[in-house]
Amino acid sequence: VAAVRGKVTVDEFTDETVDDPVIREMIPRTVIHQDAELHKRVKNSMPGRVTVRTKDGRKFTEEVLYPKGNPGNPMTENEFRAKFMNMAERVLGEEQSEELYERARDLARVGDVSDLAPLFSRN
């Protein structure tokens, strides 16, 4: 999916994506396996390696030991906020999502965390 759409988010987990002929064409050409040696190189991570072989025989490999969001490769504040807002706005709307985000990010100053509970469902 990432090779075709350039990303993998909740928006890609749809029937439309599954039915996309370009994606369906790639499925039988895709091989997945777990590399125990790769996992031995890191702790507390889900590393990955992707190798793409082109029709003319060239090979391109990229390896990520610490995926984005792992403590070894943390998201920036803007990335974190964007990810949160992308998901929360679908359920809570923009204004309530903003309030929940701001209050949760300043949790040390929240007197009673139960004060946040009403923000977890749409008002």
PDB file of N, CA and C in Angstrom:
ATOM      1  N   VAL A   1       0.830  -1.188   0.000  1.00  0.00           N
ATOM      2  CA  VAL A   1       0.000   0.000   0.000  1.00  0.00           C
ATOM      3  C   VAL A   1       0.874   1.250   0.000  1.00  0.00           C
ATOM      4  N   ALA A   2       1.921   1.256   0.830  1.00  0.00           N
ATOM      5  CA  ALA A   2       2.787   2.430   0.908  1.00  0.00           C
ATOM      6  C   ALA A   2       3.480   2.697  -0.427  1.00  0.00           C
ATOM      7  N   ALA A   3       3.839   1.652  -1.149  1.00  0.00           N
ATOM      8  CA  ALA A   3       4.509   1.835  -2.437  1.00  0.00           C
ATOM      9  C   ALA A   3       3.588   2.498  -3.453  1.00  0.00           C
ATOM     10  N   VAL A   4       2.299   2.266  -3.335  1.00  0.00           N
ATOM     11  CA  VAL A   4       1.335   2.829  -4.283  1.00  0.00           C
ATOM     12  C   VAL A   4       0.796   4.167  -3.801  1.00  0.00           C
ATOM     13  N   ARG A   5       0.429   4.240  -2.533  1.00  0.00           N
ATOM     14  CA  ARG A   5      -0.216   5.438  -1.995  1.00  0.00           C
ATOM     15  C   ARG A   5       0.739   6.425  -1.336  1.00  0.00           C
ATOM     16  N   GLY A   6       1.955   5.971  -1.048  1.00  0.00           N
ATOM     17  CA  GLY A   6       2.936   6.852  -0.424  1.00  0.00           C
ATOM     18  C   GLY A   6       2.789   6.985   1.075  1.00  0.00           C
ATOM     19  N   LYS A   7       1.842   6.261   1.647  1.00  0.00           N
ATOM     20  CA  LYS A   7       1.623   6.313   3.090  1.00  0.00           C
ATOM     21  C   LYS A   7       0.755   5.132   3.499  1.00  0.00           C
ATOM     22  N   VAL A   8       0.747   4.859   4.783  1.00  0.00           N
ATOM     23  CA  VAL A   8      -0.175   3.871   5.339  1.00  0.00           C
ATOM     24  C   VAL A   8      -0.776   4.496   6.582  1.00  0.00           C
ATOM     25  N   THR A   9      -2.010   4.923   6.447  1.00  0.00           N
ATOM     26  CA  THR A   9      -2.761   5.473   7.570  1.00  0.00           C
ATOM     27  C   THR A   9      -4.087   4.735   7.646  1.00  0.00           C
ATOM     28  N   VAL A  10      -4.899   5.092   8.591  1.00  0.00           N
ATOM     29  CA  VAL A  10      -6.205   4.458   8.725  1.00  0.00           C
ATOM     30  C   VAL A  10      -7.033   4.645   7.446  1.00  0.00           C
ATOM     31  N   ASP A  11      -6.769   5.699   6.706  1.00  0.00           N
ATOM     32  CA  ASP A  11      -7.522   5.962   5.476  1.00  0.00           C
ATOM     33  C   ASP A  11      -7.252   4.928   4.385  1.00  0.00           C
ATOM     34  N   GLU A  12      -6.141   4.215   4.488  1.00  0.00           N
ATOM     35  CA  GLU A  12      -5.833   3.205   3.480  1.00  0.00           C
ATOM     36  C   GLU A  12      -6.468   1.850   3.783  1.00  0.00           C
ATOM     37  N   PHE A  13      -7.030   1.672   4.958  1.00  0.00           N
ATOM     38  CA  PHE A  13      -7.652   0.402   5.312  1.00  0.00           C
ATOM     39  C   PHE A  13      -9.128   0.425   4.921  1.00  0.00           C
ATOM     40  N   THR A  14      -9.352   0.367   3.617  1.00  0.00           N
ATOM     41  CA  THR A  14     -10.706   0.446   3.079  1.00  0.00           C
ATOM     42  C   THR A  14     -10.909  -0.625   2.012  1.00  0.00           C
ATOM     43  N   ASP A  15     -12.157  -0.874   1.664  1.00  0.00           N
ATOM     44  CA  ASP A  15     -12.467  -1.793   0.570  1.00  0.00           C
ATOM     45  C   ASP A  15     -11.905  -1.260  -0.741  1.00  0.00           C
ATOM     46  N   GLU A  16     -11.924   0.050  -0.914  1.00  0.00           N
ATOM     47  CA  GLU A  16     -11.386   0.662  -2.131  1.00  0.00           C
ATOM     48  C   GLU A  16      -9.903   0.316  -2.301  1.00  0.00           C
ATOM     49  N   THR A  17      -9.157   0.380  -1.214  1.00  0.00           N
ATOM     50  CA  THR A  17      -7.734   0.045  -1.271  1.00  0.00           C
ATOM     51  C   THR A  17      -7.550  -1.425  -1.624  1.00  0.00           C
ATOM     52  N   VAL A  18      -8.307  -2.286  -0.978  1.00  0.00           N
ATOM     53  CA  VAL A  18      -8.210  -3.725  -1.240  1.00  0.00           C
ATOM     54  C   VAL A  18      -8.559  -4.036  -2.697  1.00  0.00           C
ATOM     55  N   ASP A  19      -9.496  -3.290  -3.257  1.00  0.00           N
ATOM     56  CA  ASP A  19      -9.934  -3.527  -4.628  1.00  0.00           C
ATOM     57  C   ASP A  19      -9.109  -2.785  -5.679  1.00  0.00           C
ATOM     58  N   ASP A  20      -8.160  -1.965  -5.251  1.00  0.00           N
ATOM     59  CA  ASP A  20      -7.333  -1.201  -6.184  1.00  0.00           C
ATOM     60  C   ASP A  20      -6.523  -2.177  -7.040  1.00  0.00           C
ATOM     61  N   PRO A  21      -6.704  -2.148  -8.367  1.00  0.00           N
ATOM     62  CA  PRO A  21      -5.999  -3.114  -9.218  1.00  0.00           C
ATOM     63  C   PRO A  21      -4.480  -2.998  -9.151  1.00  0.00           C
ATOM     64  N   VAL A  22      -3.956  -1.816  -8.931  1.00  0.00           N
ATOM     65  CA  VAL A  22      -2.505  -1.652  -8.825  1.00  0.00           C
ATOM     66  C   VAL A  22      -1.986  -2.352  -7.568  1.00  0.00           C
ATOM     67  N   ILE A  23      -2.705  -2.195  -6.475  1.00  0.00           N
ATOM     68  CA  ILE A  23      -2.311  -2.854  -5.224  1.00  0.00           C
ATOM     69  C   ILE A  23      -2.478  -4.360  -5.351  1.00  0.00           C
ATOM     70  N   ARG A  24      -3.575  -4.798  -5.920  1.00  0.00           N
ATOM     71  CA  ARG A  24      -3.822  -6.244  -6.087  1.00  0.00           C
ATOM     72  C   ARG A  24      -2.741  -6.885  -6.964  1.00  0.00           C
ATOM     73  N   GLU A  25      -2.272  -6.156  -7.948  1.00  0.00           N
ATOM     74  CA  GLU A  25      -1.228  -6.666  -8.843  1.00  0.00           C
ATOM     75  C   GLU A  25       0.091  -6.866  -8.108  1.00  0.00           C
ATOM     76  N   MET A  26       0.331  -6.061  -7.083  1.00  0.00           N
ATOM     77  CA  MET A  26       1.591  -6.160  -6.324  1.00  0.00           C
ATOM     78  C   MET A  26       1.599  -7.306  -5.312  1.00  0.00           C
ATOM     79  N   ILE A  27       0.444  -7.749  -4.885  1.00  0.00           N
ATOM     80  CA  ILE A  27       0.370  -8.755  -3.817  1.00  0.00           C
ATOM     81  C   ILE A  27       1.143 -10.029  -4.155  1.00  0.00           C
ATOM     82  N   PRO A  28       0.955 -10.642  -5.310  1.00  0.00           N
ATOM     83  CA  PRO A  28       1.705 -11.881  -5.565  1.00  0.00           C
ATOM     84  C   PRO A  28       3.207 -11.660  -5.770  1.00  0.00           C
ATOM     85  N   ARG A  29       3.615 -10.430  -5.984  1.00  0.00           N
ATOM     86  CA  ARG A  29       5.036 -10.122  -6.165  1.00  0.00           C
ATOM     87  C   ARG A  29       5.704  -9.703  -4.859  1.00  0.00           C
ATOM     88  N   THR A  30       4.961  -9.765  -3.773  1.00  0.00           N
ATOM     89  CA  THR A  30       5.460  -9.324  -2.467  1.00  0.00           C
ATOM     90  C   THR A  30       5.782 -10.526  -1.599  1.00  0.00           C
ATOM     91  N   VAL A  31       6.991 -10.521  -1.034  1.00  0.00           N
ATOM     92  CA  VAL A  31       7.426 -11.584  -0.126  1.00  0.00           C
ATOM     93  C   VAL A  31       7.734 -10.929   1.213  1.00  0.00           C
ATOM     94  N   ILE A  32       7.191 -11.510   2.271  1.00  0.00           N
ATOM     95  CA  ILE A  32       7.403 -10.970   3.613  1.00  0.00           C
ATOM     96  C   ILE A  32       7.986 -12.071   4.482  1.00  0.00           C
ATOM     97  N   HIS A  33       9.022 -11.720   5.227  1.00  0.00           N
ATOM     98  CA  HIS A  33       9.559 -12.665   6.207  1.00  0.00           C
ATOM     99  C   HIS A  33      10.191 -11.893   7.354  1.00  0.00           C
ATOM    100  N   GLN A  34      10.243 -12.550   8.502  1.00  0.00           N
ATOM    101  CA  GLN A  34      10.849 -11.934   9.674  1.00  0.00           C
ATOM    102  C   GLN A  34      12.333 -12.272   9.689  1.00  0.00           C
ATOM    103  N   ASP A  35      13.150 -11.266   9.857  1.00  0.00           N
ATOM    104  CA  ASP A  35      14.598 -11.422   9.877  1.00  0.00           C
ATOM    105  C   ASP A  35      15.069 -11.384  11.330  1.00  0.00           C
ATOM    106  N   ALA A  36      15.344 -12.544  11.893  1.00  0.00           N
ATOM    107  CA  ALA A  36      15.743 -12.629  13.299  1.00  0.00           C
ATOM    108  C   ALA A  36      17.025 -11.847  13.557  1.00  0.00           C
ATOM    109  N   GLU A  37      17.945 -11.842  12.608  1.00  0.00           N
ATOM    110  CA  GLU A  37      19.202 -11.105  12.782  1.00  0.00           C
ATOM    111  C   GLU A  37      18.954  -9.603  12.891  1.00  0.00           C
ATOM    112  N   LEU A  38      18.016  -9.100  12.124  1.00  0.00           N
ATOM    113  CA  LEU A  38      17.675  -7.677  12.187  1.00  0.00           C
ATOM    114  C   LEU A  38      17.120  -7.333  13.567  1.00  0.00           C
ATOM    115  N   HIS A  39      16.265  -8.180  14.100  1.00  0.00           N
ATOM    116  CA  HIS A  39      15.675  -7.946  15.417  1.00  0.00           C
ATOM    117  C   HIS A  39      16.713  -8.024  16.536  1.00  0.00           C
ATOM    118  N   LYS A  40      17.759  -8.816  16.349  1.00  0.00           N
ATOM    119  CA  LYS A  40      18.806  -8.934  17.369  1.00  0.00           C
ATOM    120  C   LYS A  40      19.628  -7.650  17.486  1.00  0.00           C
ATOM    121  N   ARG A  41      19.603  -6.816  16.470  1.00  0.00           N
ATOM    122  CA  ARG A  41      20.414  -5.595  16.463  1.00  0.00           C
ATOM    123  C   ARG A  41      19.821  -4.473  17.303  1.00  0.00           C
ATOM    124  N   VAL A  42      18.566  -4.607  17.702  1.00  0.00           N
ATOM    125  CA  VAL A  42      17.897  -3.535  18.446  1.00  0.00           C
ATOM    126  C   VAL A  42      17.134  -4.111  19.625  1.00  0.00           C
ATOM    127  N   LYS A  43      16.817  -3.224  20.562  1.00  0.00           N
ATOM    128  CA  LYS A  43      15.952  -3.593  21.686  1.00  0.00           C
ATOM    129  C   LYS A  43      14.754  -2.662  21.671  1.00  0.00           C
ATOM    130  N   ASN A  44      13.613  -3.187  22.063  1.00  0.00           N
ATOM    131  CA  ASN A  44      12.396  -2.385  22.167  1.00  0.00           C
ATOM    132  C   ASN A  44      12.055  -1.674  20.854  1.00  0.00           C
ATOM    133  N   SER A  45      12.104  -2.420  19.776  1.00  0.00           N
ATOM    134  CA  SER A  45      11.786  -1.838  18.476  1.00  0.00           C
ATOM    135  C   SER A  45      11.242  -2.907  17.540  1.00  0.00           C
ATOM    136  N   MET A  46      10.606  -2.450  16.479  1.00  0.00           N
ATOM    137  CA  MET A  46      10.121  -3.321  15.413  1.00  0.00           C
ATOM    138  C   MET A  46      10.818  -2.872  14.133  1.00  0.00           C
ATOM    139  N   PRO A  47      12.066  -3.304  13.938  1.00  0.00           N
ATOM    140  CA  PRO A  47      12.811  -2.854  12.767  1.00  0.00           C
ATOM    141  C   PRO A  47      12.236  -3.438  11.482  1.00  0.00           C
ATOM    142  N   GLY A  48      12.624  -2.843  10.382  1.00  0.00           N
ATOM    143  CA  GLY A  48      12.157  -3.340   9.100  1.00  0.00           C
ATOM    144  C   GLY A  48      13.172  -3.077   8.002  1.00  0.00           C
ATOM    145  N   ARG A  49      13.104  -3.916   6.991  1.00  0.00           N
ATOM    146  CA  ARG A  49      13.951  -3.742   5.818  1.00  0.00           C
ATOM    147  C   ARG A  49      13.089  -4.035   4.597  1.00  0.00           C
ATOM    148  N   VAL A  50      13.183  -3.185   3.619  1.00  0.00           N
ATOM    149  CA  VAL A  50      12.448  -3.365   2.374  1.00  0.00           C
ATOM    150  C   VAL A  50      13.457  -3.403   1.235  1.00  0.00           C
ATOM    151  N   THR A  51      13.307  -4.395   0.389  1.00  0.00           N
ATOM    152  CA  THR A  51      14.124  -4.481  -0.820  1.00  0.00           C
ATOM    153  C   THR A  51      13.194  -4.487  -2.015  1.00  0.00           C
ATOM    154  N   VAL A  52      13.482  -3.626  -2.952  1.00  0.00           N
ATOM    155  CA  VAL A  52      12.699  -3.542  -4.180  1.00  0.00           C
ATOM    156  C   VAL A  52      13.612  -3.936  -5.334  1.00  0.00           C
ATOM    157  N   ARG A  53      13.139  -4.864  -6.135  1.00  0.00           N
ATOM    158  CA  ARG A  53      13.873  -5.266  -7.335  1.00  0.00           C
ATOM    159  C   ARG A  53      13.096  -4.759  -8.554  1.00  0.00           C
ATOM    160  N   THR A  54      13.783  -4.031  -9.398  1.00  0.00           N
ATOM    161  CA  THR A  54      13.133  -3.468 -10.585  1.00  0.00           C
ATOM    162  C   THR A  54      13.128  -4.495 -11.721  1.00  0.00           C
ATOM    163  N   LYS A  55      12.335  -4.226 -12.735  1.00  0.00           N
ATOM    164  CA  LYS A  55      12.244  -5.139 -13.874  1.00  0.00           C
ATOM    165  C   LYS A  55      13.583  -5.305 -14.577  1.00  0.00           C
ATOM    166  N   ASP A  56      14.433  -4.269 -14.517  1.00  0.00           N
ATOM    167  CA  ASP A  56      15.733  -4.364 -15.184  1.00  0.00           C
ATOM    168  C   ASP A  56      16.819  -4.956 -14.275  1.00  0.00           C
ATOM    169  N   GLY A  57      16.406  -5.473 -13.092  1.00  0.00           N
ATOM    170  CA  GLY A  57      17.338  -6.193 -12.237  1.00  0.00           C
ATOM    171  C   GLY A  57      18.006  -5.386 -11.149  1.00  0.00           C
ATOM    172  N   ARG A  58      17.788  -4.084 -11.127  1.00  0.00           N
ATOM    173  CA  ARG A  58      18.396  -3.296 -10.052  1.00  0.00           C
ATOM    174  C   ARG A  58      17.706  -3.609  -8.726  1.00  0.00           C
ATOM    175  N   LYS A  59      18.453  -3.405  -7.643  1.00  0.00           N
ATOM    176  CA  LYS A  59      17.935  -3.719  -6.313  1.00  0.00           C
ATOM    177  C   LYS A  59      18.172  -2.515  -5.405  1.00  0.00           C
ATOM    178  N   PHE A  60      17.130  -2.114  -4.694  1.00  0.00           N
ATOM    179  CA  PHE A  60      17.195  -0.998  -3.751  1.00  0.00           C
ATOM    180  C   PHE A  60      16.735  -1.505  -2.396  1.00  0.00           C
ATOM    181  N   THR A  61      17.532  -1.233  -1.362  1.00  0.00           N
ATOM    182  CA  THR A  61      17.196  -1.690  -0.014  1.00  0.00           C
ATOM    183  C   THR A  61      17.223  -0.509   0.945  1.00  0.00           C
ATOM    184  N   GLU A  62      16.251  -0.461   1.809  1.00  0.00           N
ATOM    185  CA  GLU A  62      16.195   0.551   2.869  1.00  0.00           C
ATOM    186  C   GLU A  62      15.892  -0.174   4.172  1.00  0.00           C
ATOM    187  N   GLU A  63      16.577   0.242   5.225  1.00  0.00           N
ATOM    188  CA  GLU A  63      16.419  -0.391   6.527  1.00  0.00           C
ATOM    189  C   GLU A  63      16.095   0.668   7.568  1.00  0.00           C
ATOM    190  N   VAL A  64      15.166   0.345   8.441  1.00  0.00           N
ATOM    191  CA  VAL A  64      14.810   1.241   9.539  1.00  0.00           C
ATOM    192  C   VAL A  64      14.870   0.424  10.822  1.00  0.00           C
ATOM    193  N   LEU A  65      15.790   0.796  11.693  1.00  0.00           N
ATOM    194  CA  LEU A  65      15.917   0.074  12.960  1.00  0.00           C
ATOM    195  C   LEU A  65      14.905   0.565  13.988  1.00  0.00           C
ATOM    196  N   TYR A  66      14.618   1.857  13.940  1.00  0.00           N
ATOM    197  CA  TYR A  66      13.667   2.447  14.884  1.00  0.00           C
ATOM    198  C   TYR A  66      12.617   3.213  14.093  1.00  0.00           C
ATOM    199  N   PRO A  67      11.428   2.631  13.909  1.00  0.00           N
ATOM    200  CA  PRO A  67      10.392   3.309  13.138  1.00  0.00           C
ATOM    201  C   PRO A  67       9.947   4.615  13.795  1.00  0.00           C
ATOM    202  N   LYS A  68       9.406   5.497  13.005  1.00  0.00           N
ATOM    203  CA  LYS A  68       8.927   6.787  13.499  1.00  0.00           C
ATOM    204  C   LYS A  68       7.931   6.555  14.624  1.00  0.00           C
ATOM    205  N   GLY A  69       8.154   7.247  15.730  1.00  0.00           N
ATOM    206  CA  GLY A  69       7.300   7.108  16.911  1.00  0.00           C
ATOM    207  C   GLY A  69       7.941   6.268  17.999  1.00  0.00           C
ATOM    208  N   ASN A  70       8.966   5.496  17.654  1.00  0.00           N
ATOM    209  CA  ASN A  70       9.720   4.732  18.633  1.00  0.00           C
ATOM    210  C   ASN A  70      10.581   5.712  19.433  1.00  0.00           C
ATOM    211  N   PRO A  71      10.844   5.445  20.712  1.00  0.00           N
ATOM    212  CA  PRO A  71      11.716   6.347  21.467  1.00  0.00           C
ATOM    213  C   PRO A  71      13.076   6.586  20.801  1.00  0.00           C
ATOM    214  N   GLY A  72      13.541   5.635  20.002  1.00  0.00           N
ATOM    215  CA  GLY A  72      14.784   5.808  19.275  1.00  0.00           C
ATOM    216  C   GLY A  72      14.654   6.684  18.038  1.00  0.00           C
ATOM    217  N   ASN A  73      13.429   7.018  17.660  1.00  0.00           N
ATOM    218  CA  ASN A  73      13.153   7.861  16.499  1.00  0.00           C
ATOM    219  C   ASN A  73      11.822   8.587  16.750  1.00  0.00           C
ATOM    220  N   PRO A  74      11.793   9.452  17.757  1.00  0.00           N
ATOM    221  CA  PRO A  74      10.514  10.056  18.157  1.00  0.00           C
ATOM    222  C   PRO A  74       9.933  10.987  17.105  1.00  0.00           C
ATOM    223  N   MET A  75       8.609  11.114  17.177  1.00  0.00           N
ATOM    224  CA  MET A  75       7.921  12.086  16.331  1.00  0.00           C
ATOM    225  C   MET A  75       8.211  13.482  16.853  1.00  0.00           C
ATOM    226  N   THR A  76       8.181  14.434  15.952  1.00  0.00           N
ATOM    227  CA  THR A  76       8.244  15.820  16.390  1.00  0.00           C
ATOM    228  C   THR A  76       6.898  16.169  17.014  1.00  0.00           C
ATOM    229  N   GLU A  77       6.846  17.272  17.714  1.00  0.00           N
ATOM    230  CA  GLU A  77       5.568  17.704  18.294  1.00  0.00           C
ATOM    231  C   GLU A  77       4.525  17.901  17.195  1.00  0.00           C
ATOM    232  N   ASN A  78       4.927  18.464  16.075  1.00  0.00           N
ATOM    233  CA  ASN A  78       3.983  18.681  14.962  1.00  0.00           C
ATOM    234  C   ASN A  78       3.485  17.367  14.378  1.00  0.00           C
ATOM    235  N   GLU A  79       4.364  16.378  14.233  1.00  0.00           N
ATOM    236  CA  GLU A  79       3.951  15.069  13.722  1.00  0.00           C
ATOM    237  C   GLU A  79       2.988  14.392  14.695  1.00  0.00           C
ATOM    238  N   PHE A  80       3.309  14.464  15.979  1.00  0.00           N
ATOM    239  CA  PHE A  80       2.465  13.857  17.000  1.00  0.00           C
ATOM    240  C   PHE A  80       1.076  14.492  17.006  1.00  0.00           C
ATOM    241  N   ARG A  81       1.055  15.814  16.982  1.00  0.00           N
ATOM    242  CA  ARG A  81      -0.214  16.543  16.975  1.00  0.00           C
ATOM    243  C   ARG A  81      -1.038  16.203  15.728  1.00  0.00           C
ATOM    244  N   ALA A  82      -0.388  16.177  14.576  1.00  0.00           N
ATOM    245  CA  ALA A  82      -1.089  15.870  13.327  1.00  0.00           C
ATOM    246  C   ALA A  82      -1.692  14.470  13.365  1.00  0.00           C
ATOM    247  N   LYS A  83      -0.944  13.516  13.892  1.00  0.00           N
ATOM    248  CA  LYS A  83      -1.452  12.142  13.983  1.00  0.00           C
ATOM    249  C   LYS A  83      -2.647  12.076  14.932  1.00  0.00           C
ATOM    250  N   PHE A  84      -2.513  12.710  16.083  1.00  0.00           N
ATOM    251  CA  PHE A  84      -3.618  12.734  17.042  1.00  0.00           C
ATOM    252  C   PHE A  84      -4.860  13.388  16.427  1.00  0.00           C
ATOM    253  N   MET A  85      -4.669  14.560  15.849  1.00  0.00           N
ATOM    254  CA  MET A  85      -5.805  15.303  15.307  1.00  0.00           C
ATOM    255  C   MET A  85      -6.460  14.552  14.146  1.00  0.00           C
ATOM    256  N   ASN A  86      -5.668  13.895  13.326  1.00  0.00           N
ATOM    257  CA  ASN A  86      -6.218  13.128  12.210  1.00  0.00           C
ATOM    258  C   ASN A  86      -7.207  12.083  12.694  1.00  0.00           C
ATOM    259  N   MET A  87      -6.899  11.442  13.805  1.00  0.00           N
ATOM    260  CA  MET A  87      -7.790  10.409  14.333  1.00  0.00           C
ATOM    261  C   MET A  87      -8.910  10.989  15.189  1.00  0.00           C
ATOM    262  N   ALA A  88      -8.575  11.904  16.081  1.00  0.00           N
ATOM    263  CA  ALA A  88      -9.566  12.419  17.033  1.00  0.00           C
ATOM    264  C   ALA A  88     -10.654  13.241  16.365  1.00  0.00           C
ATOM    265  N   GLU A  89     -10.299  14.044  15.374  1.00  0.00           N
ATOM    266  CA  GLU A  89     -11.300  14.899  14.717  1.00  0.00           C
ATOM    267  C   GLU A  89     -12.414  14.099  14.071  1.00  0.00           C
ATOM    268  N   ARG A  90     -12.137  12.890  13.650  1.00  0.00           N
ATOM    269  CA  ARG A  90     -13.155  12.041  13.021  1.00  0.00           C
ATOM    270  C   ARG A  90     -14.301  11.746  13.985  1.00  0.00           C
ATOM    271  N   VAL A  91     -13.953  11.665  15.266  1.00  0.00           N
ATOM    272  CA  VAL A  91     -14.931  11.286  16.284  1.00  0.00           C
ATOM    273  C   VAL A  91     -15.403  12.492  17.084  1.00  0.00           C
ATOM    274  N   LEU A  92     -14.477  13.356  17.459  1.00  0.00           N
ATOM    275  CA  LEU A  92     -14.789  14.425  18.402  1.00  0.00           C
ATOM    276  C   LEU A  92     -15.007  15.783  17.758  1.00  0.00           C
ATOM    277  N   GLY A  93     -14.618  15.939  16.514  1.00  0.00           N
ATOM    278  CA  GLY A  93     -14.680  17.255  15.886  1.00  0.00           C
ATOM    279  C   GLY A  93     -13.412  18.042  16.211  1.00  0.00           C
ATOM    280  N   GLU A  94     -13.178  19.110  15.457  1.00  0.00           N
ATOM    281  CA  GLU A  94     -11.928  19.856  15.583  1.00  0.00           C
ATOM    282  C   GLU A  94     -11.778  20.551  16.930  1.00  0.00           C
ATOM    283  N   GLU A  95     -12.804  21.271  17.363  1.00  0.00           N
ATOM    284  CA  GLU A  95     -12.692  22.064  18.595  1.00  0.00           C
ATOM    285  C   GLU A  95     -12.450  21.188  19.822  1.00  0.00           C
ATOM    286  N   GLN A  96     -13.225  20.132  19.961  1.00  0.00           N
ATOM    287  CA  GLN A  96     -13.078  19.249  21.121  1.00  0.00           C
ATOM    288  C   GLN A  96     -11.744  18.498  21.066  1.00  0.00           C
ATOM    289  N   SER A  97     -11.322  18.115  19.879  1.00  0.00           N
ATOM    290  CA  SER A  97     -10.034  17.440  19.726  1.00  0.00           C
ATOM    291  C   SER A  97      -8.892  18.357  20.138  1.00  0.00           C
ATOM    292  N   GLU A  98      -8.973  19.617  19.733  1.00  0.00           N
ATOM    293  CA  GLU A  98      -7.960  20.603  20.114  1.00  0.00           C
ATOM    294  C   GLU A  98      -7.883  20.735  21.637  1.00  0.00           C
ATOM    295  N   GLU A  99      -9.062  20.844  22.258  1.00  0.00           N
ATOM    296  CA  GLU A  99      -9.083  21.000  23.716  1.00  0.00           C
ATOM    297  C   GLU A  99      -8.495  19.778  24.413  1.00  0.00           C
ATOM    298  N   LEU A 100      -8.899  18.587  23.970  1.00  0.00           N
ATOM    299  CA  LEU A 100      -8.373  17.364  24.570  1.00  0.00           C
ATOM    300  C   LEU A 100      -6.860  17.281  24.382  1.00  0.00           C
ATOM    301  N   TYR A 101      -6.383  17.600  23.209  1.00  0.00           N
ATOM    302  CA  TYR A 101      -4.946  17.550  22.940  1.00  0.00           C
ATOM    303  C   TYR A 101      -4.187  18.499  23.870  1.00  0.00           C
ATOM    304  N   GLU A 102      -4.631  19.731  23.926  1.00  0.00           N
ATOM    305  CA  GLU A 102      -3.930  20.729  24.744  1.00  0.00           C
ATOM    306  C   GLU A 102      -3.931  20.347  26.219  1.00  0.00           C
ATOM    307  N   ARG A 103      -5.063  19.890  26.700  1.00  0.00           N
ATOM    308  CA  ARG A 103      -5.139  19.537  28.123  1.00  0.00           C
ATOM    309  C   ARG A 103      -4.333  18.280  28.425  1.00  0.00           C
ATOM    310  N   ALA A 104      -4.362  17.306  27.540  1.00  0.00           N
ATOM    311  CA  ALA A 104      -3.609  16.067  27.759  1.00  0.00           C
ATOM    312  C   ALA A 104      -2.108  16.312  27.678  1.00  0.00           C
ATOM    313  N   ARG A 105      -1.684  17.203  26.806  1.00  0.00           N
ATOM    314  CA  ARG A 105      -0.250  17.507  26.688  1.00  0.00           C
ATOM    315  C   ARG A 105       0.261  18.301  27.893  1.00  0.00           C
ATOM    316  N   ASP A 106      -0.663  18.866  28.649  1.00  0.00           N
ATOM    317  CA  ASP A 106      -0.295  19.613  29.849  1.00  0.00           C
ATOM    318  C   ASP A 106      -0.844  18.893  31.084  1.00  0.00           C
ATOM    319  N   LEU A 107      -0.775  17.583  31.043  1.00  0.00           N
ATOM    320  CA  LEU A 107      -1.398  16.729  32.062  1.00  0.00           C
ATOM    321  C   LEU A 107      -0.900  17.037  33.475  1.00  0.00           C
ATOM    322  N   ALA A 108       0.327  17.454  33.612  1.00  0.00           N
ATOM    323  CA  ALA A 108       0.876  17.747  34.937  1.00  0.00           C
ATOM    324  C   ALA A 108       0.091  18.858  35.629  1.00  0.00           C
ATOM    325  N   ARG A 109      -0.556  19.692  34.847  1.00  0.00           N
ATOM    326  CA  ARG A 109      -1.306  20.813  35.428  1.00  0.00           C
ATOM    327  C   ARG A 109      -2.803  20.513  35.576  1.00  0.00           C
ATOM    328  N   VAL A 110      -3.214  19.328  35.161  1.00  0.00           N
ATOM    329  CA  VAL A 110      -4.618  18.941  35.321  1.00  0.00           C
ATOM    330  C   VAL A 110      -4.792  18.459  36.751  1.00  0.00           C
ATOM    331  N   GLY A 111      -5.650  19.117  37.493  1.00  0.00           N
ATOM    332  CA  GLY A 111      -5.847  18.768  38.898  1.00  0.00           C
ATOM    333  C   GLY A 111      -6.383  17.370  39.095  1.00  0.00           C
ATOM    334  N   ASP A 112      -7.356  16.991  38.308  1.00  0.00           N
ATOM    335  CA  ASP A 112      -8.001  15.684  38.429  1.00  0.00           C
ATOM    336  C   ASP A 112      -8.209  15.157  37.011  1.00  0.00           C
ATOM    337  N   VAL A 113      -7.557  14.046  36.686  1.00  0.00           N
ATOM    338  CA  VAL A 113      -7.659  13.527  35.318  1.00  0.00           C
ATOM    339  C   VAL A 113      -9.088  13.161  34.933  1.00  0.00           C
ATOM    340  N   SER A 114      -9.950  12.933  35.915  1.00  0.00           N
ATOM    341  CA  SER A 114     -11.347  12.645  35.578  1.00  0.00           C
ATOM    342  C   SER A 114     -12.013  13.855  34.924  1.00  0.00           C
ATOM    343  N   ASP A 115     -11.411  15.035  35.076  1.00  0.00           N
ATOM    344  CA  ASP A 115     -11.929  16.224  34.397  1.00  0.00           C
ATOM    345  C   ASP A 115     -11.811  16.099  32.878  1.00  0.00           C
ATOM    346  N   LEU A 116     -10.909  15.237  32.420  1.00  0.00           N
ATOM    347  CA  LEU A 116     -10.736  15.034  30.981  1.00  0.00           C
ATOM    348  C   LEU A 116     -11.767  14.075  30.399  1.00  0.00           C
ATOM    349  N   ALA A 117     -12.362  13.233  31.240  1.00  0.00           N
ATOM    350  CA  ALA A 117     -13.272  12.190  30.759  1.00  0.00           C
ATOM    351  C   ALA A 117     -14.365  12.697  29.826  1.00  0.00           C
ATOM    352  N   PRO A 118     -15.011  13.836  30.095  1.00  0.00           N
ATOM    353  CA  PRO A 118     -16.046  14.287  29.167  1.00  0.00           C
ATOM    354  C   PRO A 118     -15.516  14.591  27.762  1.00  0.00           C
ATOM    355  N   LEU A 119     -14.239  14.836  27.632  1.00  0.00           N
ATOM    356  CA  LEU A 119     -13.668  15.137  26.317  1.00  0.00           C
ATOM    357  C   LEU A 119     -13.444  13.892  25.465  1.00  0.00           C
ATOM    358  N   PHE A 120     -13.561  12.714  26.069  1.00  0.00           N
ATOM    359  CA  PHE A 120     -13.321  11.471  25.336  1.00  0.00           C
ATOM    360  C   PHE A 120     -14.510  11.028  24.483  1.00  0.00           C
ATOM    361  N   SER A 121     -15.651  11.658  24.630  1.00  0.00           N
ATOM    362  CA  SER A 121     -16.785  11.348  23.777  1.00  0.00           C
ATOM    363  C   SER A 121     -17.376  12.649  23.263  1.00  0.00           C
ATOM    364  N   ARG A 122     -18.006  12.559  22.119  1.00  0.00           N
ATOM    365  CA  ARG A 122     -18.504  13.764  21.441  1.00  0.00           C
ATOM    366  C   ARG A 122     -19.538  14.474  22.307  1.00  0.00           C
ATOM    367  N   ASN A 123     -19.359  15.762  22.439  1.00  0.00           N
ATOM    368  CA  ASN A 123     -20.319  16.571  23.220  1.00  0.00           C
ATOM    369  C   ASN A 123     -21.569  16.857  22.417  1.00  0.00           C
TER     370      ASN A 123
END
